[in-house]
Amino acid sequence: MPNDTRELPATNDSLTRFLGGSPLTVVFRLSLLSILVGVVLAAIGFDPWNIIASIRTLFQRIWDLGFDAINGLWRYFLLGAVIVVPIWLLSRLFGAPNGR
């Protein structure tokens, strides 16, 4: 019977379409963007009168490559993720379908 075709559920395809790419790639991109936004928010939000010293301290921690730098990077990641991930999720939920 030629009209007797069954379609398999496209759960992975719809997940990839919802996320805007493969899940691993999206997680990687969101992580990098979260770190970047966290650095900017930390530089602006914590001490606006001492931005140069904050940036110098950040580069000093990265230069030292000790556990303090990793801890600072994790803090920046979490700070940025608080802003980036909800905005990304809302844009994916309420964004207009683009015909793909």
PDB file of N, CA and C in Angstrom:
ATOM      1  N   MET A   1       0.834  -1.168   0.000  1.00  0.00           N
ATOM      2  CA  MET A   1       0.000   0.000   0.000  1.00  0.00           C
ATOM      3  C   MET A   1       0.886   1.241   0.000  1.00  0.00           C
ATOM      4  N   PRO A   2       0.827   2.037  -1.035  1.00  0.00           N
ATOM      5  CA  PRO A   2       1.726   3.187  -1.139  1.00  0.00           C
ATOM      6  C   PRO A   2       1.413   4.302  -0.146  1.00  0.00           C
ATOM      7  N   ASN A   3       0.195   4.447   0.315  1.00  0.00           N
ATOM      8  CA  ASN A   3      -0.151   5.531   1.242  1.00  0.00           C
ATOM      9  C   ASN A   3       0.033   5.150   2.702  1.00  0.00           C
ATOM     10  N   ASP A   4       0.511   3.950   2.954  1.00  0.00           N
ATOM     11  CA  ASP A   4       0.676   3.469   4.323  1.00  0.00           C
ATOM     12  C   ASP A   4       2.094   3.765   4.803  1.00  0.00           C
ATOM     13  N   THR A   5       2.391   5.030   5.019  1.00  0.00           N
ATOM     14  CA  THR A   5       3.716   5.414   5.512  1.00  0.00           C
ATOM     15  C   THR A   5       3.581   5.902   6.940  1.00  0.00           C
ATOM     16  N   ARG A   6       4.556   5.580   7.721  1.00  0.00           N
ATOM     17  CA  ARG A   6       4.576   6.011   9.116  1.00  0.00           C
ATOM     18  C   ARG A   6       5.750   6.949   9.317  1.00  0.00           C
ATOM     19  N   GLU A   7       5.486   8.009  10.015  1.00  0.00           N
ATOM     20  CA  GLU A   7       6.562   8.950  10.305  1.00  0.00           C
ATOM     21  C   GLU A   7       7.066   8.693  11.713  1.00  0.00           C
ATOM     22  N   LEU A   8       8.367   8.668  11.841  1.00  0.00           N
ATOM     23  CA  LEU A   8       8.969   8.515  13.156  1.00  0.00           C
ATOM     24  C   LEU A   8       8.931   9.856  13.878  1.00  0.00           C
ATOM     25  N   PRO A   9       8.798   9.848  15.180  1.00  0.00           N
ATOM     26  CA  PRO A   9       8.805  11.129  15.901  1.00  0.00           C
ATOM     27  C   PRO A   9      10.149  11.826  15.748  1.00  0.00           C
ATOM     28  N   ALA A  10      10.093  13.097  15.459  1.00  0.00           N
ATOM     29  CA  ALA A  10      11.312  13.878  15.218  1.00  0.00           C
ATOM     30  C   ALA A  10      11.702  14.628  16.484  1.00  0.00           C
ATOM     31  N   THR A  11      11.908  13.909  17.567  1.00  0.00           N
ATOM     32  CA  THR A  11      12.222  14.584  18.824  1.00  0.00           C
ATOM     33  C   THR A  11      13.579  15.262  18.766  1.00  0.00           C
ATOM     34  N   ASN A  12      14.573  14.590  18.215  1.00  0.00           N
ATOM     35  CA  ASN A  12      15.906  15.191  18.137  1.00  0.00           C
ATOM     36  C   ASN A  12      15.904  16.373  17.184  1.00  0.00           C
ATOM     37  N   ASP A  13      15.184  16.240  16.055  1.00  0.00           N
ATOM     38  CA  ASP A  13      15.131  17.332  15.092  1.00  0.00           C
ATOM     39  C   ASP A  13      14.420  18.541  15.693  1.00  0.00           C
ATOM     40  N   SER A  14      13.332  18.318  16.393  1.00  0.00           N
ATOM     41  CA  SER A  14      12.624  19.453  16.986  1.00  0.00           C
ATOM     42  C   SER A  14      13.431  20.071  18.128  1.00  0.00           C
ATOM     43  N   LEU A  15      14.176  19.252  18.875  1.00  0.00           N
ATOM     44  CA  LEU A  15      15.044  19.791  19.924  1.00  0.00           C
ATOM     45  C   LEU A  15      16.148  20.643  19.310  1.00  0.00           C
ATOM     46  N   THR A  16      16.756  20.148  18.250  1.00  0.00           N
ATOM     47  CA  THR A  16      17.808  20.904  17.568  1.00  0.00           C
ATOM     48  C   THR A  16      17.250  22.200  16.999  1.00  0.00           C
ATOM     49  N   ARG A  17      16.055  22.141  16.428  1.00  0.00           N
ATOM     50  CA  ARG A  17      15.437  23.351  15.896  1.00  0.00           C
ATOM     51  C   ARG A  17      15.107  24.334  17.012  1.00  0.00           C
ATOM     52  N   PHE A  18      14.611  23.831  18.141  1.00  0.00           N
ATOM     53  CA  PHE A  18      14.274  24.713  19.265  1.00  0.00           C
ATOM     54  C   PHE A  18      15.514  25.390  19.829  1.00  0.00           C
ATOM     55  N   LEU A  19      16.596  24.620  19.978  1.00  0.00           N
ATOM     56  CA  LEU A  19      17.819  25.174  20.556  1.00  0.00           C
ATOM     57  C   LEU A  19      18.564  26.076  19.584  1.00  0.00           C
ATOM     58  N   GLY A  20      18.362  25.890  18.291  1.00  0.00           N
ATOM     59  CA  GLY A  20      19.072  26.676  17.296  1.00  0.00           C
ATOM     60  C   GLY A  20      20.386  26.054  16.884  1.00  0.00           C
ATOM     61  N   GLY A  21      20.557  24.787  17.087  1.00  0.00           N
ATOM     62  CA  GLY A  21      21.774  24.047  16.750  1.00  0.00           C
ATOM     63  C   GLY A  21      21.843  22.792  17.590  1.00  0.00           C
ATOM     64  N   SER A  22      22.945  22.089  17.455  1.00  0.00           N
ATOM     65  CA  SER A  22      23.093  20.881  18.257  1.00  0.00           C
ATOM     66  C   SER A  22      23.222  21.262  19.731  1.00  0.00           C
ATOM     67  N   PRO A  23      22.702  20.442  20.637  1.00  0.00           N
ATOM     68  CA  PRO A  23      22.714  20.801  22.060  1.00  0.00           C
ATOM     69  C   PRO A  23      24.107  21.094  22.612  1.00  0.00           C
ATOM     70  N   LEU A  24      25.105  20.306  22.217  1.00  0.00           N
ATOM     71  CA  LEU A  24      26.458  20.528  22.727  1.00  0.00           C
ATOM     72  C   LEU A  24      27.014  21.871  22.253  1.00  0.00           C
ATOM     73  N   THR A  25      26.770  22.205  20.996  1.00  0.00           N
ATOM     74  CA  THR A  25      27.239  23.483  20.458  1.00  0.00           C
ATOM     75  C   THR A  25      26.551  24.651  21.159  1.00  0.00           C
ATOM     76  N   VAL A  26      25.256  24.520  21.394  1.00  0.00           N
ATOM     77  CA  VAL A  26      24.510  25.589  22.057  1.00  0.00           C
ATOM     78  C   VAL A  26      25.005  25.779  23.487  1.00  0.00           C
ATOM     79  N   VAL A  27      25.258  24.683  24.199  1.00  0.00           N
ATOM     80  CA  VAL A  27      25.778  24.782  25.571  1.00  0.00           C
ATOM     81  C   VAL A  27      27.139  25.462  25.569  1.00  0.00           C
ATOM     82  N   PHE A  28      27.994  25.110  24.610  1.00  0.00           N
ATOM     83  CA  PHE A  28      29.328  25.719  24.527  1.00  0.00           C
ATOM     84  C   PHE A  28      29.220  27.216  24.249  1.00  0.00           C
ATOM     85  N   ARG A  29      28.381  27.594  23.279  1.00  0.00           N
ATOM     86  CA  ARG A  29      28.231  29.006  22.948  1.00  0.00           C
ATOM     87  C   ARG A  29      27.626  29.797  24.105  1.00  0.00           C
ATOM     88  N   LEU A  30      26.623  29.224  24.756  1.00  0.00           N
ATOM     89  CA  LEU A  30      26.022  29.910  25.903  1.00  0.00           C
ATOM     90  C   LEU A  30      27.010  30.055  27.053  1.00  0.00           C
ATOM     91  N   SER A  31      27.876  29.067  27.235  1.00  0.00           N
ATOM     92  CA  SER A  31      28.890  29.158  28.292  1.00  0.00           C
ATOM     93  C   SER A  31      29.864  30.292  28.019  1.00  0.00           C
ATOM     94  N   LEU A  32      30.348  30.382  26.783  1.00  0.00           N
ATOM     95  CA  LEU A  32      31.280  31.463  26.442  1.00  0.00           C
ATOM     96  C   LEU A  32      30.618  32.832  26.567  1.00  0.00           C
ATOM     97  N   LEU A  33      29.380  32.942  26.090  1.00  0.00           N
ATOM     98  CA  LEU A  33      28.677  34.211  26.188  1.00  0.00           C
ATOM     99  C   LEU A  33      28.398  34.571  27.642  1.00  0.00           C
ATOM    100  N   SER A  34      28.094  33.576  28.469  1.00  0.00           N
ATOM    101  CA  SER A  34      27.852  33.821  29.890  1.00  0.00           C
ATOM    102  C   SER A  34      29.103  34.335  30.585  1.00  0.00           C
ATOM    103  N   ILE A  35      30.260  33.768  30.244  1.00  0.00           N
ATOM    104  CA  ILE A  35      31.522  34.239  30.823  1.00  0.00           C
ATOM    105  C   ILE A  35      31.786  35.682  30.413  1.00  0.00           C
ATOM    106  N   LEU A  36      31.583  35.992  29.132  1.00  0.00           N
ATOM    107  CA  LEU A  36      31.824  37.344  28.641  1.00  0.00           C
ATOM    108  C   LEU A  36      30.905  38.360  29.326  1.00  0.00           C
ATOM    109  N   VAL A  37      29.623  38.059  29.391  1.00  0.00           N
ATOM    110  CA  VAL A  37      28.679  38.975  30.030  1.00  0.00           C
ATOM    111  C   VAL A  37      28.969  39.082  31.524  1.00  0.00           C
ATOM    112  N   GLY A  38      29.356  37.991  32.156  1.00  0.00           N
ATOM    113  CA  GLY A  38      29.695  38.022  33.573  1.00  0.00           C
ATOM    114  C   GLY A  38      30.881  38.913  33.859  1.00  0.00           C
ATOM    115  N   VAL A  39      31.883  38.877  32.996  1.00  0.00           N
ATOM    116  CA  VAL A  39      33.045  39.751  33.162  1.00  0.00           C
ATOM    117  C   VAL A  39      32.624  41.213  33.049  1.00  0.00           C
ATOM    118  N   VAL A  40      31.802  41.509  32.056  1.00  0.00           N
ATOM    119  CA  VAL A  40      31.350  42.887  31.873  1.00  0.00           C
ATOM    120  C   VAL A  40      30.500  43.340  33.060  1.00  0.00           C
ATOM    121  N   LEU A  41      29.572  42.499  33.503  1.00  0.00           N
ATOM    122  CA  LEU A  41      28.724  42.876  34.634  1.00  0.00           C
ATOM    123  C   LEU A  41      29.523  43.019  35.920  1.00  0.00           C
ATOM    124  N   ALA A  42      30.483  42.159  36.106  1.00  0.00           N
ATOM    125  CA  ALA A  42      31.319  42.268  37.308  1.00  0.00           C
ATOM    126  C   ALA A  42      32.152  43.541  37.263  1.00  0.00           C
ATOM    127  N   ALA A  43      32.664  43.888  36.087  1.00  0.00           N
ATOM    128  CA  ALA A  43      33.468  45.099  35.954  1.00  0.00           C
ATOM    129  C   ALA A  43      32.616  46.348  36.148  1.00  0.00           C
ATOM    130  N   ILE A  44      31.393  46.314  35.686  1.00  0.00           N
ATOM    131  CA  ILE A  44      30.523  47.487  35.804  1.00  0.00           C
ATOM    132  C   ILE A  44      29.787  47.514  37.140  1.00  0.00           C
ATOM    133  N   GLY A  45      29.269  46.371  37.559  1.00  0.00           N
ATOM    134  CA  GLY A  45      28.354  46.356  38.689  1.00  0.00           C
ATOM    135  C   GLY A  45      28.989  46.385  40.058  1.00  0.00           C
ATOM    136  N   PHE A  46      30.120  45.809  40.237  1.00  0.00           N
ATOM    137  CA  PHE A  46      30.661  45.698  41.581  1.00  0.00           C
ATOM    138  C   PHE A  46      31.356  46.968  42.044  1.00  0.00           C
ATOM    139  N   ASP A  47      32.090  47.614  41.173  1.00  0.00           N
ATOM    140  CA  ASP A  47      32.803  48.819  41.575  1.00  0.00           C
ATOM    141  C   ASP A  47      32.967  49.728  40.361  1.00  0.00           C
ATOM    142  N   PRO A  48      31.979  50.546  40.041  1.00  0.00           N
ATOM    143  CA  PRO A  48      32.048  51.350  38.826  1.00  0.00           C
ATOM    144  C   PRO A  48      33.131  52.421  38.860  1.00  0.00           C
ATOM    145  N   TRP A  49      33.590  52.803  40.042  1.00  0.00           N
ATOM    146  CA  TRP A  49      34.631  53.823  40.114  1.00  0.00           C
ATOM    147  C   TRP A  49      36.025  53.230  39.997  1.00  0.00           C
ATOM    148  N   ASN A  50      36.126  51.916  39.995  1.00  0.00           N
ATOM    149  CA  ASN A  50      37.431  51.274  39.968  1.00  0.00           C
ATOM    150  C   ASN A  50      37.481  50.187  38.895  1.00  0.00           C
ATOM    151  N   ILE A  51      36.987  50.494  37.705  1.00  0.00           N
ATOM    152  CA  ILE A  51      36.915  49.508  36.627  1.00  0.00           C
ATOM    153  C   ILE A  51      38.311  49.079  36.188  1.00  0.00           C
ATOM    154  N   ILE A  52      39.246  50.002  36.083  1.00  0.00           N
ATOM    155  CA  ILE A  52      40.603  49.678  35.625  1.00  0.00           C
ATOM    156  C   ILE A  52      41.260  48.673  36.564  1.00  0.00           C
ATOM    157  N   ALA A  53      41.121  48.888  37.859  1.00  0.00           N
ATOM    158  CA  ALA A  53      41.706  47.939  38.821  1.00  0.00           C
ATOM    159  C   ALA A  53      41.014  46.581  38.741  1.00  0.00           C
ATOM    160  N   SER A  54      39.708  46.568  38.495  1.00  0.00           N
ATOM    161  CA  SER A  54      38.994  45.298  38.355  1.00  0.00           C
ATOM    162  C   SER A  54      39.474  44.530  37.131  1.00  0.00           C
ATOM    163  N   ILE A  55      39.662  45.227  36.024  1.00  0.00           N
ATOM    164  CA  ILE A  55      40.156  44.575  34.808  1.00  0.00           C
ATOM    165  C   ILE A  55      41.589  44.097  35.017  1.00  0.00           C
ATOM    166  N   ARG A  56      42.407  44.910  35.664  1.00  0.00           N
ATOM    167  CA  ARG A  56      43.788  44.517  35.944  1.00  0.00           C
ATOM    168  C   ARG A  56      43.818  43.273  36.834  1.00  0.00           C
ATOM    169  N   THR A  57      42.954  43.234  37.844  1.00  0.00           N
ATOM    170  CA  THR A  57      42.879  42.066  38.724  1.00  0.00           C
ATOM    171  C   THR A  57      42.448  40.827  37.955  1.00  0.00           C
ATOM    172  N   LEU A  58      41.478  40.980  37.054  1.00  0.00           N
ATOM    173  CA  LEU A  58      41.036  39.851  36.236  1.00  0.00           C
ATOM    174  C   LEU A  58      42.184  39.305  35.393  1.00  0.00           C
ATOM    175  N   PHE A  59      42.909  40.190  34.701  1.00  0.00           N
ATOM    176  CA  PHE A  59      44.027  39.728  33.881  1.00  0.00           C
ATOM    177  C   PHE A  59      45.150  39.142  34.734  1.00  0.00           C
ATOM    178  N   GLN A  60      45.358  39.683  35.921  1.00  0.00           N
ATOM    179  CA  GLN A  60      46.368  39.121  36.819  1.00  0.00           C
ATOM    180  C   GLN A  60      45.990  37.704  37.230  1.00  0.00           C
ATOM    181  N   ARG A  61      44.720  37.481  37.540  1.00  0.00           N
ATOM    182  CA  ARG A  61      44.268  36.130  37.895  1.00  0.00           C
ATOM    183  C   ARG A  61      44.414  35.164  36.727  1.00  0.00           C
ATOM    184  N   ILE A  62      44.046  35.612  35.546  1.00  0.00           N
ATOM    185  CA  ILE A  62      44.200  34.741  34.375  1.00  0.00           C
ATOM    186  C   ILE A  62      45.674  34.480  34.115  1.00  0.00           C
ATOM    187  N   TRP A  63      46.510  35.489  34.280  1.00  0.00           N
ATOM    188  CA  TRP A  63      47.948  35.332  34.067  1.00  0.00           C
ATOM    189  C   TRP A  63      48.540  34.331  35.050  1.00  0.00           C
ATOM    190  N   ASP A  64      48.146  34.411  36.280  1.00  0.00           N
ATOM    191  CA  ASP A  64      48.666  33.491  37.292  1.00  0.00           C
ATOM    192  C   ASP A  64      48.219  32.055  37.050  1.00  0.00           C
ATOM    193  N   LEU A  65      47.080  31.886  36.406  1.00  0.00           N
ATOM    194  CA  LEU A  65      46.537  30.560  36.092  1.00  0.00           C
ATOM    195  C   LEU A  65      46.501  29.636  37.302  1.00  0.00           C
ATOM    196  N   GLY A  66      46.163  30.212  38.409  1.00  0.00           N
ATOM    197  CA  GLY A  66      46.010  29.409  39.619  1.00  0.00           C
ATOM    198  C   GLY A  66      44.551  29.073  39.837  1.00  0.00           C
ATOM    199  N   PHE A  67      44.276  28.488  40.980  1.00  0.00           N
ATOM    200  CA  PHE A  67      42.901  28.143  41.291  1.00  0.00           C
ATOM    201  C   PHE A  67      42.051  29.384  41.524  1.00  0.00           C
ATOM    202  N   ASP A  68      42.668  30.483  41.892  1.00  0.00           N
ATOM    203  CA  ASP A  68      41.910  31.723  42.045  1.00  0.00           C
ATOM    204  C   ASP A  68      41.343  32.188  40.708  1.00  0.00           C
ATOM    205  N   ALA A  69      42.110  32.019  39.628  1.00  0.00           N
ATOM    206  CA  ALA A  69      41.627  32.406  38.303  1.00  0.00           C
ATOM    207  C   ALA A  69      40.465  31.520  37.876  1.00  0.00           C
ATOM    208  N   ILE A  70      40.555  30.239  38.160  1.00  0.00           N
ATOM    209  CA  ILE A  70      39.462  29.325  37.812  1.00  0.00           C
ATOM    210  C   ILE A  70      38.225  29.664  38.634  1.00  0.00           C
ATOM    211  N   ASN A  71      38.420  29.958  39.894  1.00  0.00           N
ATOM    212  CA  ASN A  71      37.301  30.344  40.749  1.00  0.00           C
ATOM    213  C   ASN A  71      36.665  31.642  40.256  1.00  0.00           C
ATOM    214  N   GLY A  72      37.484  32.603  39.874  1.00  0.00           N
ATOM    215  CA  GLY A  72      36.960  33.859  39.345  1.00  0.00           C
ATOM    216  C   GLY A  72      36.221  33.657  38.040  1.00  0.00           C
ATOM    217  N   LEU A  73      36.756  32.792  37.180  1.00  0.00           N
ATOM    218  CA  LEU A  73      36.102  32.492  35.909  1.00  0.00           C
ATOM    219  C   LEU A  73      34.755  31.824  36.155  1.00  0.00           C
ATOM    220  N   TRP A  74      34.690  30.912  37.114  1.00  0.00           N
ATOM    221  CA  TRP A  74      33.434  30.249  37.454  1.00  0.00           C
ATOM    222  C   TRP A  74      32.415  31.264  37.975  1.00  0.00           C
ATOM    223  N   ARG A  75      32.886  32.216  38.783  1.00  0.00           N
ATOM    224  CA  ARG A  75      31.999  33.259  39.306  1.00  0.00           C
ATOM    225  C   ARG A  75      31.457  34.121  38.176  1.00  0.00           C
ATOM    226  N   TYR A  76      32.318  34.485  37.231  1.00  0.00           N
ATOM    227  CA  TYR A  76      31.877  35.274  36.090  1.00  0.00           C
ATOM    228  C   TYR A  76      30.895  34.481  35.229  1.00  0.00           C
ATOM    229  N   PHE A  77      31.161  33.176  35.064  1.00  0.00           N
ATOM    230  CA  PHE A  77      30.254  32.324  34.294  1.00  0.00           C
ATOM    231  C   PHE A  77      28.861  32.318  34.926  1.00  0.00           C
ATOM    232  N   LEU A  78      28.789  32.112  36.229  1.00  0.00           N
ATOM    233  CA  LEU A  78      27.493  32.073  36.905  1.00  0.00           C
ATOM    234  C   LEU A  78      26.786  33.420  36.843  1.00  0.00           C
ATOM    235  N   LEU A  79      27.543  34.487  37.014  1.00  0.00           N
ATOM    236  CA  LEU A  79      26.958  35.823  36.954  1.00  0.00           C
ATOM    237  C   LEU A  79      26.380  36.100  35.568  1.00  0.00           C
ATOM    238  N   GLY A  80      27.124  35.753  34.538  1.00  0.00           N
ATOM    239  CA  GLY A  80      26.632  35.962  33.180  1.00  0.00           C
ATOM    240  C   GLY A  80      25.491  35.037  32.819  1.00  0.00           C
ATOM    241  N   ALA A  81      25.543  33.794  33.296  1.00  0.00           N
ATOM    242  CA  ALA A  81      24.498  32.823  32.974  1.00  0.00           C
ATOM    243  C   ALA A  81      23.154  33.239  33.555  1.00  0.00           C
ATOM    244  N   VAL A  82      23.173  33.942  34.674  1.00  0.00           N
ATOM    245  CA  VAL A  82      21.923  34.414  35.272  1.00  0.00           C
ATOM    246  C   VAL A  82      21.204  35.360  34.312  1.00  0.00           C
ATOM    247  N   ILE A  83      21.941  36.093  33.505  1.00  0.00           N
ATOM    248  CA  ILE A  83      21.350  37.021  32.545  1.00  0.00           C
ATOM    249  C   ILE A  83      21.149  36.362  31.186  1.00  0.00           C
ATOM    250  N   VAL A  84      22.165  35.665  30.683  1.00  0.00           N
ATOM    251  CA  VAL A  84      22.157  35.160  29.315  1.00  0.00           C
ATOM    252  C   VAL A  84      21.142  34.042  29.111  1.00  0.00           C
ATOM    253  N   VAL A  85      21.121  33.059  29.986  1.00  0.00           N
ATOM    254  CA  VAL A  85      20.278  31.879  29.769  1.00  0.00           C
ATOM    255  C   VAL A  85      18.782  32.222  29.794  1.00  0.00           C
ATOM    256  N   PRO A  86      18.278  33.007  30.754  1.00  0.00           N
ATOM    257  CA  PRO A  86      16.845  33.346  30.685  1.00  0.00           C
ATOM    258  C   PRO A  86      16.469  34.160  29.448  1.00  0.00           C
ATOM    259  N   ILE A  87      17.319  35.097  29.043  1.00  0.00           N
ATOM    260  CA  ILE A  87      17.029  35.879  27.840  1.00  0.00           C
ATOM    261  C   ILE A  87      17.025  34.979  26.619  1.00  0.00           C
ATOM    262  N   TRP A  88      17.982  34.067  26.531  1.00  0.00           N
ATOM    263  CA  TRP A  88      18.034  33.133  25.409  1.00  0.00           C
ATOM    264  C   TRP A  88      16.794  32.249  25.396  1.00  0.00           C
ATOM    265  N   LEU A  89      16.407  31.731  26.564  1.00  0.00           N
ATOM    266  CA  LEU A  89      15.249  30.852  26.648  1.00  0.00           C
ATOM    267  C   LEU A  89      13.973  31.591  26.254  1.00  0.00           C
ATOM    268  N   LEU A  90      13.800  32.820  26.737  1.00  0.00           N
ATOM    269  CA  LEU A  90      12.622  33.600  26.363  1.00  0.00           C
ATOM    270  C   LEU A  90      12.604  33.908  24.873  1.00  0.00           C
ATOM    271  N   SER A  91      13.760  34.201  24.298  1.00  0.00           N
ATOM    272  CA  SER A  91      13.799  34.474  22.860  1.00  0.00           C
ATOM    273  C   SER A  91      13.475  33.228  22.055  1.00  0.00           C
ATOM    274  N   ARG A  92      13.856  32.051  22.549  1.00  0.00           N
ATOM    275  CA  ARG A  92      13.526  30.802  21.855  1.00  0.00           C
ATOM    276  C   ARG A  92      12.048  30.460  22.021  1.00  0.00           C
ATOM    277  N   LEU A  93      11.477  30.759  23.184  1.00  0.00           N
ATOM    278  CA  LEU A  93      10.072  30.432  23.425  1.00  0.00           C
ATOM    279  C   LEU A  93       9.119  31.382  22.705  1.00  0.00           C
ATOM    280  N   PHE A  94       9.429  32.670  22.710  1.00  0.00           N
ATOM    281  CA  PHE A  94       8.510  33.656  22.169  1.00  0.00           C
ATOM    282  C   PHE A  94       8.933  34.204  20.811  1.00  0.00           C
ATOM    283  N   GLY A  95      10.032  33.717  20.265  1.00  0.00           N
ATOM    284  CA  GLY A  95      10.478  34.181  18.961  1.00  0.00           C
ATOM    285  C   GLY A  95       9.543  33.705  17.864  1.00  0.00           C
ATOM    286  N   ALA A  96       9.403  34.525  16.852  1.00  0.00           N
ATOM    287  CA  ALA A  96       8.545  34.151  15.724  1.00  0.00           C
ATOM    288  C   ALA A  96       9.199  33.027  14.934  1.00  0.00           C
ATOM    289  N   PRO A  97       8.408  32.065  14.468  1.00  0.00           N
ATOM    290  CA  PRO A  97       8.995  31.002  13.645  1.00  0.00           C
ATOM    291  C   PRO A  97       9.513  31.591  12.338  1.00  0.00           C
ATOM    292  N   ASN A  98      10.691  31.152  11.953  1.00  0.00           N
ATOM    293  CA  ASN A  98      11.318  31.738  10.768  1.00  0.00           C
ATOM    294  C   ASN A  98      11.183  30.848   9.544  1.00  0.00           C
ATOM    295  N   GLY A  99      10.271  29.919   9.539  1.00  0.00           N
ATOM    296  CA  GLY A  99       9.983  29.137   8.344  1.00  0.00           C
ATOM    297  C   GLY A  99      10.903  27.982   8.074  1.00  0.00           C
ATOM    298  N   ARG A 100      11.781  27.636   8.995  1.00  0.00           N
ATOM    299  CA  ARG A 100      12.674  26.502   8.761  1.00  0.00           C
ATOM    300  C   ARG A 100      12.016  25.216   9.116  1.00  0.00           C
TER     301      ARG A 100
END
